[in-house]
Amino acid sequence: MSRQLVILSLCAVALPSVIIHAQTPARGSAPASVVQLTDPRRDYGQNIAPVYEGWEPNPDGTISLYFGYMNRNWKEELDIPIGPNNFFEPGPQDRGQPTHFLPRRNKQIFSIVVPKDFPRDRSLVWTLNVRGKAERVPGSLKPEQQIDVSRETASGNQRPKIDVGPGVTATVGRPVTLAVSVTDDGIPKPRGRGQSGVEPPNVFAGPNVRWSKYRGPGTVRFNNTAVAISDGKASTTATFDAPGEYLIQALADDGSVLGQSQGQNVPGFSCWWVTGNVKVTVR
């Protein structure tokens, strides 16, 4: 019995779906069907999936559980206050998770520290409810979920340390300077933009800090969202359009080439970067 090989070729593309037609079949065979593949990328209107990244023991015997999220929107940023649509269980509901969600994948945005005797069969469950669809993720101490956040085994690189300093007071509509101090072990050696031949020239390939809103009632505009670390310092200015309490997250990276992983502004190995939150009171 002979076998007929049907080769698929892309001959028509229609956004947001991709239409794939099969090659014309041999004479006498049945007509080729049309295979329609749905492109999951959307700029707006999608939900957010919480992500459990894993856990790591701390030097003092406590344990850190790391969480992030996947905002399936490629452009839309969402605010979800702590409450029935953004909570942990068992309580308390507020365990330091973000209430402002940037587009796409955001890794290890926060951690929850639990005591060394935290039960191995217990989970902390994070729930996000967006547009009527609830997604949950449990965080537990399963052995296979242990990760190495502090040090990269191959190179010996250790994650930077960040000092966000005291809180800042600002006025609505007036720019305020935000600054952090960063120390690092010098691994890897900094290189200029584009020198690796992989990242485009506009991507930081050396120590840098990226700024974003983490919590707060209003919109925050930064004059620079990504700045190089110079003499252990990095700063930007931010303008707030509403009064209230804010947390501004600073992600200090020592050279993992942000912006390359999946093309989604995802940092590289977790031992190459660290986050800290600057508290801002806006009046």
Protein backbone atom coordinates (compact mmCIF):
# COMPACT_ATOMS: atom_id res chain seq x y z
CA MET A 1 0.00 0.00 0.00
CA SER A 2 1.46 3.32 -1.01
CA ARG A 3 1.49 6.25 1.39
CA GLN A 4 0.73 9.79 0.35
CA LEU A 5 2.77 12.52 2.03
CA VAL A 6 0.91 15.79 2.44
CA ILE A 7 3.21 18.75 3.12
CA LEU A 8 1.71 21.82 4.74
CA SER A 9 2.74 25.18 3.41
CA LEU A 10 1.86 28.62 4.73
CA CYS A 11 0.12 30.49 1.98
CA ALA A 12 -2.22 32.84 3.76
CA VAL A 13 -1.87 34.79 6.99
CA ALA A 14 -4.71 36.64 8.63
CA LEU A 15 -4.43 38.28 12.03
CA PRO A 16 -5.36 37.45 14.67
CA SER A 17 -5.56 33.90 13.25
CA VAL A 18 -3.17 32.04 10.98
CA ILE A 19 -4.73 30.10 8.11
CA ILE A 20 -2.74 27.12 6.81
CA HIS A 21 -3.75 25.40 3.58
CA ALA A 22 -2.54 21.95 2.59
CA GLN A 23 -0.90 21.39 -0.77
CA THR A 24 -3.17 20.37 -3.59
CA PRO A 25 -3.76 16.62 -3.15
CA ALA A 26 -3.10 14.09 -5.87
CA ARG A 27 -5.82 13.56 -8.48
CA GLY A 28 -8.61 11.35 -7.21
CA SER A 29 -8.00 11.96 -3.52
CA ALA A 30 -10.32 13.81 -1.17
CA PRO A 31 -10.16 17.64 -1.09
CA ALA A 32 -7.67 19.05 1.36
CA SER A 33 -9.10 20.53 4.53
CA VAL A 34 -8.19 23.93 5.92
CA VAL A 35 -6.36 23.92 9.24
CA GLN A 36 -6.87 27.08 11.28
CA LEU A 37 -4.45 27.82 14.10
CA THR A 38 -5.36 30.49 16.61
CA ASP A 39 -2.67 33.04 17.40
CA PRO A 40 -2.87 33.54 21.20
CA ARG A 41 -1.20 36.95 21.18
CA ARG A 42 -3.49 39.83 22.04
CA ASP A 43 -2.68 43.38 23.02
CA TYR A 44 -5.75 43.79 25.23
CA GLY A 45 -8.62 41.90 26.80
CA GLN A 46 -6.81 38.84 28.18
CA ASN A 47 -6.41 37.55 31.71
CA ILE A 48 -3.40 37.02 33.98
CA ALA A 49 -1.98 33.75 35.26
CA PRO A 50 -0.11 33.70 38.58
CA VAL A 51 3.13 31.69 38.50
CA TYR A 52 4.98 29.86 41.25
CA GLU A 53 8.70 29.99 40.44
CA GLY A 54 10.03 27.78 43.25
CA TRP A 55 11.58 28.03 46.70
CA GLU A 56 15.03 28.52 48.21
CA PRO A 57 16.30 28.13 51.80
CA ASN A 58 17.72 31.28 53.39
CA PRO A 59 20.91 31.45 55.50
CA ASP A 60 18.88 32.06 58.68
CA GLY A 61 16.90 28.86 58.20
CA THR A 62 13.76 30.48 56.84
CA ILE A 63 12.52 29.70 53.33
CA SER A 64 11.55 32.04 50.48
CA LEU A 65 8.76 31.11 48.06
CA TYR A 66 9.07 33.03 44.78
CA PHE A 67 6.17 34.09 42.60
CA GLY A 68 5.68 35.88 39.28
CA TYR A 69 2.93 36.12 36.69
CA MET A 70 2.07 35.91 33.02
CA ASN A 71 -0.04 38.81 31.78
CA ARG A 72 -1.30 37.42 28.49
CA ASN A 73 -1.80 40.94 27.13
CA TRP A 74 1.08 42.22 25.05
CA LYS A 75 0.32 45.88 25.81
CA GLU A 76 -2.39 46.21 28.44
CA GLU A 77 -1.36 46.94 32.03
CA LEU A 78 -3.90 46.08 34.71
CA ASP A 79 -4.53 47.18 38.29
CA ILE A 80 -6.06 44.56 40.59
CA PRO A 81 -6.41 45.66 44.24
CA ILE A 82 -5.89 43.24 47.10
CA GLY A 83 -9.24 41.60 47.78
CA PRO A 84 -11.55 39.06 46.13
CA ASN A 85 -9.74 39.36 42.79
CA ASN A 86 -6.14 39.27 44.09
CA PHE A 87 -5.51 37.28 47.24
CA PHE A 88 -3.63 34.48 48.98
CA GLU A 89 -5.13 31.68 51.01
CA PRO A 90 -4.94 30.60 53.70
CA GLY A 91 -4.83 34.20 54.99
CA PRO A 92 -3.67 36.82 55.17
CA GLN A 93 -4.86 37.83 51.70
CA ASP A 94 -2.06 40.37 51.32
CA ARG A 95 1.37 38.73 51.18
CA GLY A 96 3.19 41.44 49.29
CA GLN A 97 1.99 40.57 45.79
CA PRO A 98 1.70 43.28 43.13
CA THR A 99 -1.53 45.12 42.40
CA HIS A 100 -0.20 46.57 39.13
CA PHE A 101 0.56 44.06 36.39
CA LEU A 102 2.89 44.78 33.48
CA PRO A 103 2.37 43.07 30.12
CA ARG A 104 3.66 39.58 29.38
CA ARG A 105 5.91 37.42 31.55
CA ASN A 106 7.28 38.85 34.79
CA LYS A 107 9.50 36.47 36.75
CA GLN A 108 10.10 36.30 40.50
CA ILE A 109 8.47 39.63 41.19
CA PHE A 110 8.11 38.93 44.91
CA SER A 111 8.79 36.32 47.54
CA ILE A 112 7.07 35.12 50.71
CA VAL A 113 9.28 34.16 53.63
CA VAL A 114 8.02 31.23 55.71
CA PRO A 115 9.55 29.67 58.84
CA LYS A 116 11.90 26.71 58.59
CA ASP A 117 9.24 24.42 60.06
CA PHE A 118 6.69 25.35 57.37
CA PRO A 119 4.78 22.10 56.68
CA ARG A 120 5.97 20.31 53.56
CA ASP A 121 2.41 19.34 52.68
CA ARG A 122 1.03 22.88 52.99
CA SER A 123 0.51 25.31 50.09
CA LEU A 124 0.04 29.04 49.81
CA VAL A 125 -2.39 29.60 46.93
CA TRP A 126 -2.39 32.85 44.94
CA THR A 127 -5.60 33.66 43.05
CA LEU A 128 -6.06 36.29 40.35
CA ASN A 129 -9.55 36.91 38.97
CA VAL A 130 -9.55 38.94 35.74
CA ARG A 131 -12.62 39.49 33.59
CA GLY A 132 -14.50 36.79 35.42
CA LYS A 133 -11.82 34.11 34.98
CA ALA A 134 -10.02 33.01 38.15
CA GLU A 135 -6.58 31.44 37.90
CA ARG A 136 -4.76 29.97 40.88
CA VAL A 137 -1.30 28.66 41.62
CA PRO A 138 -0.14 26.82 44.76
CA GLY A 139 3.28 27.44 46.24
CA SER A 140 4.76 24.63 48.32
CA LEU A 141 8.07 23.04 49.31
CA LYS A 142 8.14 20.15 46.89
CA PRO A 143 11.77 19.00 46.47
CA GLU A 144 11.64 19.28 42.68
CA GLN A 145 10.67 22.95 42.97
CA GLN A 146 13.78 24.06 44.85
CA ILE A 147 15.70 26.69 42.89
CA ASP A 148 19.03 28.49 43.24
CA VAL A 149 18.34 32.20 43.29
CA SER A 150 21.42 33.54 45.05
CA ARG A 151 24.31 32.05 43.04
CA GLU A 152 24.94 30.63 39.58
CA THR A 153 26.91 27.43 39.94
CA ALA A 154 28.75 27.52 36.59
CA SER A 155 30.21 31.05 36.79
CA GLY A 156 30.00 31.75 40.50
CA ASN A 157 28.00 34.87 39.75
CA GLN A 158 25.96 36.12 42.68
CA ARG A 159 22.89 38.28 42.41
CA PRO A 160 23.30 42.01 43.06
CA LYS A 161 22.23 43.61 46.32
CA ILE A 162 19.92 46.61 46.25
CA ASP A 163 19.26 49.32 48.84
CA VAL A 164 16.12 51.33 48.15
CA GLY A 165 16.74 53.78 51.00
CA PRO A 166 14.03 55.60 52.96
CA GLY A 167 10.59 56.41 51.65
CA VAL A 168 10.02 59.38 49.38
CA THR A 169 7.37 62.12 49.53
CA ALA A 170 6.03 63.58 46.28
CA THR A 171 3.40 66.01 45.02
CA VAL A 172 0.80 65.20 42.38
CA GLY A 173 1.95 66.37 38.95
CA ARG A 174 5.50 67.24 40.02
CA PRO A 175 8.47 65.03 39.08
CA VAL A 176 10.32 63.44 41.99
CA THR A 177 13.72 61.74 41.90
CA LEU A 178 13.88 58.05 42.79
CA ALA A 179 17.28 56.50 43.48
CA VAL A 180 18.70 53.15 44.61
CA SER A 181 22.15 51.88 45.49
CA VAL A 182 23.38 48.61 43.96
CA THR A 183 26.41 46.47 44.84
CA ASP A 184 27.60 43.57 42.74
CA ASP A 185 30.45 41.06 42.54
CA GLY A 186 31.58 42.22 39.08
CA ILE A 187 30.56 38.98 37.36
CA PRO A 188 30.02 39.00 34.45
CA LYS A 189 32.26 41.76 33.19
CA PRO A 190 30.20 44.62 31.76
CA ARG A 191 30.17 45.02 28.00
CA GLY A 192 28.86 47.74 25.75
CA ARG A 193 25.51 47.60 24.06
CA GLY A 194 25.34 45.22 21.15
CA GLN A 195 28.84 43.80 21.71
CA SER A 196 27.68 40.20 22.09
CA GLY A 197 26.24 40.16 18.59
CA VAL A 198 22.96 38.87 20.01
CA GLU A 199 21.14 41.74 21.65
CA PRO A 200 20.26 44.87 19.66
CA PRO A 201 22.24 48.04 20.39
CA ASN A 202 19.44 49.58 22.47
CA VAL A 203 19.41 46.76 25.05
CA PHE A 204 21.49 47.08 28.21
CA ALA A 205 24.13 44.35 28.34
CA GLY A 206 25.70 45.64 31.55
CA PRO A 207 24.48 46.57 35.04
CA ASN A 208 21.19 48.44 34.89
CA VAL A 209 17.99 49.18 36.80
CA ARG A 210 14.49 49.00 35.37
CA TRP A 211 11.70 50.98 37.03
CA SER A 212 7.98 50.15 37.14
CA LYS A 213 4.87 50.74 39.21
CA TYR A 214 4.22 47.88 41.65
CA ARG A 215 1.33 49.25 43.70
CA GLY A 216 -0.61 52.48 43.86
CA PRO A 217 -3.89 54.20 42.95
CA GLY A 218 -2.82 56.28 39.96
CA THR A 219 -0.67 56.39 36.85
CA VAL A 220 3.11 56.80 37.12
CA ARG A 221 5.23 58.23 34.31
CA PHE A 222 9.01 57.79 34.33
CA ASN A 223 11.46 59.89 32.38
CA ASN A 224 13.55 56.71 31.95
CA THR A 225 12.34 53.21 32.72
CA ALA A 226 15.79 51.65 32.23
CA VAL A 227 19.01 53.30 33.38
CA ALA A 228 22.61 52.18 33.66
CA ILE A 229 24.15 51.70 37.09
CA SER A 230 26.98 54.18 37.56
CA ASP A 231 29.25 54.18 40.63
CA GLY A 232 26.79 51.92 42.37
CA LYS A 233 23.83 54.27 41.84
CA ALA A 234 20.83 54.42 39.54
CA SER A 235 18.11 57.05 39.45
CA THR A 236 15.12 58.24 37.49
CA THR A 237 12.32 60.76 37.93
CA ALA A 238 8.66 59.84 38.27
CA THR A 239 5.46 61.86 38.04
CA PHE A 240 2.26 60.75 39.80
CA ASP A 241 -1.24 61.79 38.72
CA ALA A 242 -3.12 60.85 41.92
CA PRO A 243 -2.41 61.07 45.67
CA GLY A 244 -1.87 57.96 47.76
CA GLU A 245 0.66 55.36 48.78
CA TYR A 246 2.77 53.78 46.02
CA LEU A 247 5.42 51.12 45.69
CA ILE A 248 7.82 51.57 42.79
CA GLN A 249 9.80 48.49 41.88
CA ALA A 250 13.46 48.74 40.91
CA LEU A 251 14.87 45.65 39.19
CA ALA A 252 18.68 45.69 39.38
CA ASP A 253 20.30 43.47 36.77
CA ASP A 254 24.02 42.82 36.41
CA GLY A 255 23.96 41.89 32.74
CA SER A 256 21.45 39.17 31.89
CA VAL A 257 20.45 41.15 28.80
CA LEU A 258 16.91 42.19 29.60
CA GLY A 259 14.48 42.14 26.73
CA GLN A 260 15.79 39.03 24.98
CA SER A 261 14.05 36.09 26.65
CA GLN A 262 11.00 35.36 24.50
CA GLY A 263 11.15 38.99 23.40
CA GLN A 264 9.14 39.79 26.50
CA ASN A 265 11.41 41.92 28.73
CA VAL A 266 12.13 38.86 30.85
CA PRO A 267 15.44 38.88 32.74
CA GLY A 268 17.78 35.94 32.46
CA PHE A 269 19.11 33.69 35.24
CA SER A 270 17.59 34.70 38.56
CA CYS A 271 20.98 35.01 40.22
CA TRP A 272 21.75 37.90 37.85
CA TRP A 273 19.10 40.28 39.17
CA VAL A 274 17.16 41.36 42.25
CA THR A 275 14.17 43.59 43.00
CA GLY A 276 13.46 46.21 45.62
CA ASN A 277 10.44 48.45 46.22
CA VAL A 278 10.67 52.19 46.86
CA LYS A 279 7.85 53.54 49.01
CA VAL A 280 6.42 56.85 47.74
CA THR A 281 3.78 58.92 49.51
CA VAL A 282 2.07 61.29 47.08
CA ARG A 283 0.10 64.27 48.32
